[in-house]
Amino acid sequence: MPAAAAPRWFFDSFPGLGHAWTAAYPPYNEHLVTDLGAAFLTLGALLLAAAWLADRRVTLVVLGGVLLYSCVHLAFHLLRHGTLGGVDLAASLVALALGVGIPAVLLVLCTRGPA
C-alpha cells in the first residue's frame, strides 16, 4: 500500500531501517512507483481471494500469476543491481528469490494434495 499511496516515500525508504533498495534504481518516477504499488495490492488481493475461496483452480491460477511476476522481477534484479552492493544487494536478491520459491513450493503442494 505505501508504494501506491506514498510513492516518493516508498522510493526513498523501502525496505526501511536505513536501507533504500528502490532508490538504488534512479531516477524516481512517480507513475512507475505508483503502478508498482498497484501491482503489489492486486497480487495481495488475489492471494487473499484464493485463500478465502479455497478453490484449487483459483489457487493455482493466482499462484501461477504470482510466480510469473516474481520470476520476471528476480530476473531483472539478477541482471541489474542499480547502485546496490554488499549486504543490501544480497538481502534484496534473497528476498526476491523467496518470492519465487514460496509460490513455487505452494504450487507443487497444491497440485499434489487431495482434490
C-alpha atoms as a PDB file:
ATOM      1  CA  MET A   1       0.000   0.000   0.000  1.00  0.00           C
ATOM      2  CA  PRO A   2       2.796   2.540   0.699  1.00  0.00           C
ATOM      3  CA  ALA A   3       4.034   2.456  -2.906  1.00  0.00           C
ATOM      4  CA  ALA A   4       0.568   3.311  -4.235  1.00  0.00           C
ATOM      5  CA  ALA A   5      -0.343   5.835  -1.530  1.00  0.00           C
ATOM      6  CA  ALA A   6       3.060   7.449  -0.933  1.00  0.00           C
ATOM      7  CA  PRO A   7       5.274   6.656  -3.933  1.00  0.00           C
ATOM      8  CA  ARG A   8       8.051   9.117  -3.101  1.00  0.00           C
ATOM      9  CA  TRP A   9       8.339   7.832   0.477  1.00  0.00           C
ATOM     10  CA  PHE A  10       8.383   4.238  -0.785  1.00  0.00           C
ATOM     11  CA  PHE A  11      11.047   5.025  -3.386  1.00  0.00           C
ATOM     12  CA  ASP A  12      13.267   6.778  -0.848  1.00  0.00           C
ATOM     13  CA  SER A  13      12.708   4.376   2.074  1.00  0.00           C
ATOM     14  CA  PHE A  14      11.962   0.790   1.016  1.00  0.00           C
ATOM     15  CA  PRO A  15      12.584  -1.579   2.809  1.00  0.00           C
ATOM     16  CA  GLY A  16      13.268   0.741   5.751  1.00  0.00           C
ATOM     17  CA  LEU A  17      15.585   0.611   8.758  1.00  0.00           C
ATOM     18  CA  GLY A  18      18.133   2.771   6.972  1.00  0.00           C
ATOM     19  CA  HIS A  19      18.105   0.782   3.737  1.00  0.00           C
ATOM     20  CA  ALA A  20      16.844   2.194   0.431  1.00  0.00           C
ATOM     21  CA  TRP A  21      16.735  -0.577  -2.154  1.00  0.00           C
ATOM     22  CA  THR A  22      14.278   1.072  -4.541  1.00  0.00           C
ATOM     23  CA  ALA A  23      16.233   4.331  -4.546  1.00  0.00           C
ATOM     24  CA  ALA A  24      19.213   2.355  -5.854  1.00  0.00           C
ATOM     25  CA  TYR A  25      17.455   2.350  -9.252  1.00  0.00           C
ATOM     26  CA  PRO A  26      17.123   6.065 -10.100  1.00  0.00           C
ATOM     27  CA  PRO A  27      15.634   8.229 -11.355  1.00  0.00           C
ATOM     28  CA  TYR A  28      12.458   8.484  -9.313  1.00  0.00           C
ATOM     29  CA  ASN A  29       9.294   8.099 -11.390  1.00  0.00           C
ATOM     30  CA  GLU A  30       6.024   8.670  -9.543  1.00  0.00           C
ATOM     31  CA  HIS A  31       3.961   6.885 -12.190  1.00  0.00           C
ATOM     32  CA  LEU A  32       6.166   3.803 -12.165  1.00  0.00           C
ATOM     33  CA  VAL A  33       6.282   3.522  -8.357  1.00  0.00           C
ATOM     34  CA  THR A  34       2.510   4.033  -8.081  1.00  0.00           C
ATOM     35  CA  ASP A  35       1.962   1.317 -10.692  1.00  0.00           C
ATOM     36  CA  LEU A  36       4.270  -0.972  -8.722  1.00  0.00           C
ATOM     37  CA  GLY A  37       2.190  -0.327  -5.623  1.00  0.00           C
ATOM     38  CA  ALA A  38      -0.965  -1.131  -7.583  1.00  0.00           C
ATOM     39  CA  ALA A  39       0.588  -4.411  -8.740  1.00  0.00           C
ATOM     40  CA  PHE A  40       1.509  -5.329  -5.150  1.00  0.00           C
ATOM     41  CA  LEU A  41      -2.013  -4.523  -3.950  1.00  0.00           C
ATOM     42  CA  THR A  42      -3.526  -6.570  -6.772  1.00  0.00           C
ATOM     43  CA  LEU A  43      -1.343  -9.601  -6.077  1.00  0.00           C
ATOM     44  CA  GLY A  44      -2.141  -9.357  -2.366  1.00  0.00           C
ATOM     45  CA  ALA A  45      -5.888  -9.129  -3.038  1.00  0.00           C
ATOM     46  CA  LEU A  46      -5.729 -12.116  -5.386  1.00  0.00           C
ATOM     47  CA  LEU A  47      -3.806 -14.167  -2.816  1.00  0.00           C
ATOM     48  CA  LEU A  48      -6.383 -13.305  -0.148  1.00  0.00           C
ATOM     49  CA  ALA A  49      -9.244 -14.191  -2.505  1.00  0.00           C
ATOM     50  CA  ALA A  50      -7.630 -17.534  -3.351  1.00  0.00           C
ATOM     51  CA  ALA A  51      -7.198 -18.332   0.339  1.00  0.00           C
ATOM     52  CA  TRP A  52     -10.764 -17.298   1.158  1.00  0.00           C
ATOM     53  CA  LEU A  53     -12.346 -19.192  -1.764  1.00  0.00           C
ATOM     54  CA  ALA A  54     -10.275 -22.314  -1.086  1.00  0.00           C
ATOM     55  CA  ASP A  55     -10.773 -23.479  -4.683  1.00  0.00           C
ATOM     56  CA  ARG A  56      -7.800 -25.359  -6.106  1.00  0.00           C
ATOM     57  CA  ARG A  57      -8.237 -23.939  -9.613  1.00  0.00           C
ATOM     58  CA  VAL A  58      -8.344 -20.362  -8.351  1.00  0.00           C
ATOM     59  CA  THR A  59      -5.346 -21.005  -6.105  1.00  0.00           C
ATOM     60  CA  LEU A  60      -3.343 -22.476  -8.987  1.00  0.00           C
ATOM     61  CA  VAL A  61      -4.115 -19.537 -11.260  1.00  0.00           C
ATOM     62  CA  VAL A  62      -3.254 -16.957  -8.605  1.00  0.00           C
ATOM     63  CA  LEU A  63      -0.050 -18.712  -7.547  1.00  0.00           C
ATOM     64  CA  GLY A  64       0.913 -19.059 -11.216  1.00  0.00           C
ATOM     65  CA  GLY A  65       0.464 -15.314 -11.693  1.00  0.00           C
ATOM     66  CA  VAL A  66       2.462 -14.505  -8.566  1.00  0.00           C
ATOM     67  CA  LEU A  67       5.204 -16.883  -9.690  1.00  0.00           C
ATOM     68  CA  LEU A  68       5.378 -15.299 -13.146  1.00  0.00           C
ATOM     69  CA  TYR A  69       5.606 -11.795 -11.681  1.00  0.00           C
ATOM     70  CA  SER A  70       8.230 -12.909  -9.150  1.00  0.00           C
ATOM     71  CA  CYS A  71      10.378 -14.650 -11.771  1.00  0.00           C
ATOM     72  CA  VAL A  72      10.424 -11.594 -14.033  1.00  0.00           C
ATOM     73  CA  HIS A  73      11.162  -9.331 -11.057  1.00  0.00           C
ATOM     74  CA  LEU A  74      14.013 -11.563  -9.858  1.00  0.00           C
ATOM     75  CA  ALA A  75      15.471 -11.862 -13.378  1.00  0.00           C
ATOM     76  CA  PHE A  76      15.572  -8.065 -13.711  1.00  0.00           C
ATOM     77  CA  HIS A  77      17.440  -7.684 -10.432  1.00  0.00           C
ATOM     78  CA  LEU A  78      19.856 -10.513 -11.148  1.00  0.00           C
ATOM     79  CA  LEU A  79      20.930  -8.646 -14.290  1.00  0.00           C
ATOM     80  CA  ARG A  80      20.759  -5.088 -12.931  1.00  0.00           C
ATOM     81  CA  HIS A  81      21.978  -4.157  -9.481  1.00  0.00           C
ATOM     82  CA  GLY A  82      21.498  -0.399  -9.653  1.00  0.00           C
ATOM     83  CA  THR A  83      23.760   1.099  -7.016  1.00  0.00           C
ATOM     84  CA  LEU A  84      23.186  -1.769  -4.555  1.00  0.00           C
ATOM     85  CA  GLY A  85      26.140  -3.757  -3.332  1.00  0.00           C
ATOM     86  CA  GLY A  86      27.264  -5.951  -0.472  1.00  0.00           C
ATOM     87  CA  VAL A  87      24.712  -6.900   2.161  1.00  0.00           C
ATOM     88  CA  ASP A  88      21.897  -4.839   0.639  1.00  0.00           C
ATOM     89  CA  LEU A  89      22.293  -6.498  -2.755  1.00  0.00           C
ATOM     90  CA  ALA A  90      22.480  -9.967  -1.221  1.00  0.00           C
ATOM     91  CA  ALA A  91      19.480  -9.345   1.039  1.00  0.00           C
ATOM     92  CA  SER A  92      17.383  -7.959  -1.811  1.00  0.00           C
ATOM     93  CA  LEU A  93      18.189 -10.943  -4.025  1.00  0.00           C
ATOM     94  CA  VAL A  94      17.401 -13.396  -1.218  1.00  0.00           C
ATOM     95  CA  ALA A  95      14.051 -11.659  -0.644  1.00  0.00           C
ATOM     96  CA  LEU A  96      13.269 -11.801  -4.355  1.00  0.00           C
ATOM     97  CA  ALA A  97      14.325 -15.465  -4.544  1.00  0.00           C
ATOM     98  CA  LEU A  98      11.941 -16.233  -1.671  1.00  0.00           C
ATOM     99  CA  GLY A  99       9.259 -14.503  -3.726  1.00  0.00           C
ATOM    100  CA  VAL A 100       9.886 -17.144  -6.395  1.00  0.00           C
ATOM    101  CA  GLY A 101      10.483 -20.119  -4.119  1.00  0.00           C
ATOM    102  CA  ILE A 102       7.465 -19.786  -1.856  1.00  0.00           C
ATOM    103  CA  PRO A 103       4.801 -19.681  -4.593  1.00  0.00           C
ATOM    104  CA  ALA A 104       6.646 -22.433  -6.489  1.00  0.00           C
ATOM    105  CA  VAL A 105       6.549 -24.725  -3.447  1.00  0.00           C
ATOM    106  CA  LEU A 106       2.903 -23.842  -2.815  1.00  0.00           C
ATOM    107  CA  LEU A 107       2.057 -24.624  -6.435  1.00  0.00           C
ATOM    108  CA  VAL A 108       3.671 -28.051  -6.140  1.00  0.00           C
ATOM    109  CA  LEU A 109       1.882 -28.740  -2.859  1.00  0.00           C
ATOM    110  CA  CYS A 110      -1.417 -27.593  -4.309  1.00  0.00           C
ATOM    111  CA  THR A 111      -1.129 -29.890  -7.315  1.00  0.00           C
ATOM    112  CA  ARG A 112      -0.171 -32.908  -5.193  1.00  0.00           C
ATOM    113  CA  GLY A 113      -2.761 -32.553  -2.454  1.00  0.00           C
ATOM    114  CA  PRO A 114      -6.207 -34.138  -2.397  1.00  0.00           C
ATOM    115  CA  ALA A 115      -8.761 -32.734  -4.801  1.00  0.00           C
END
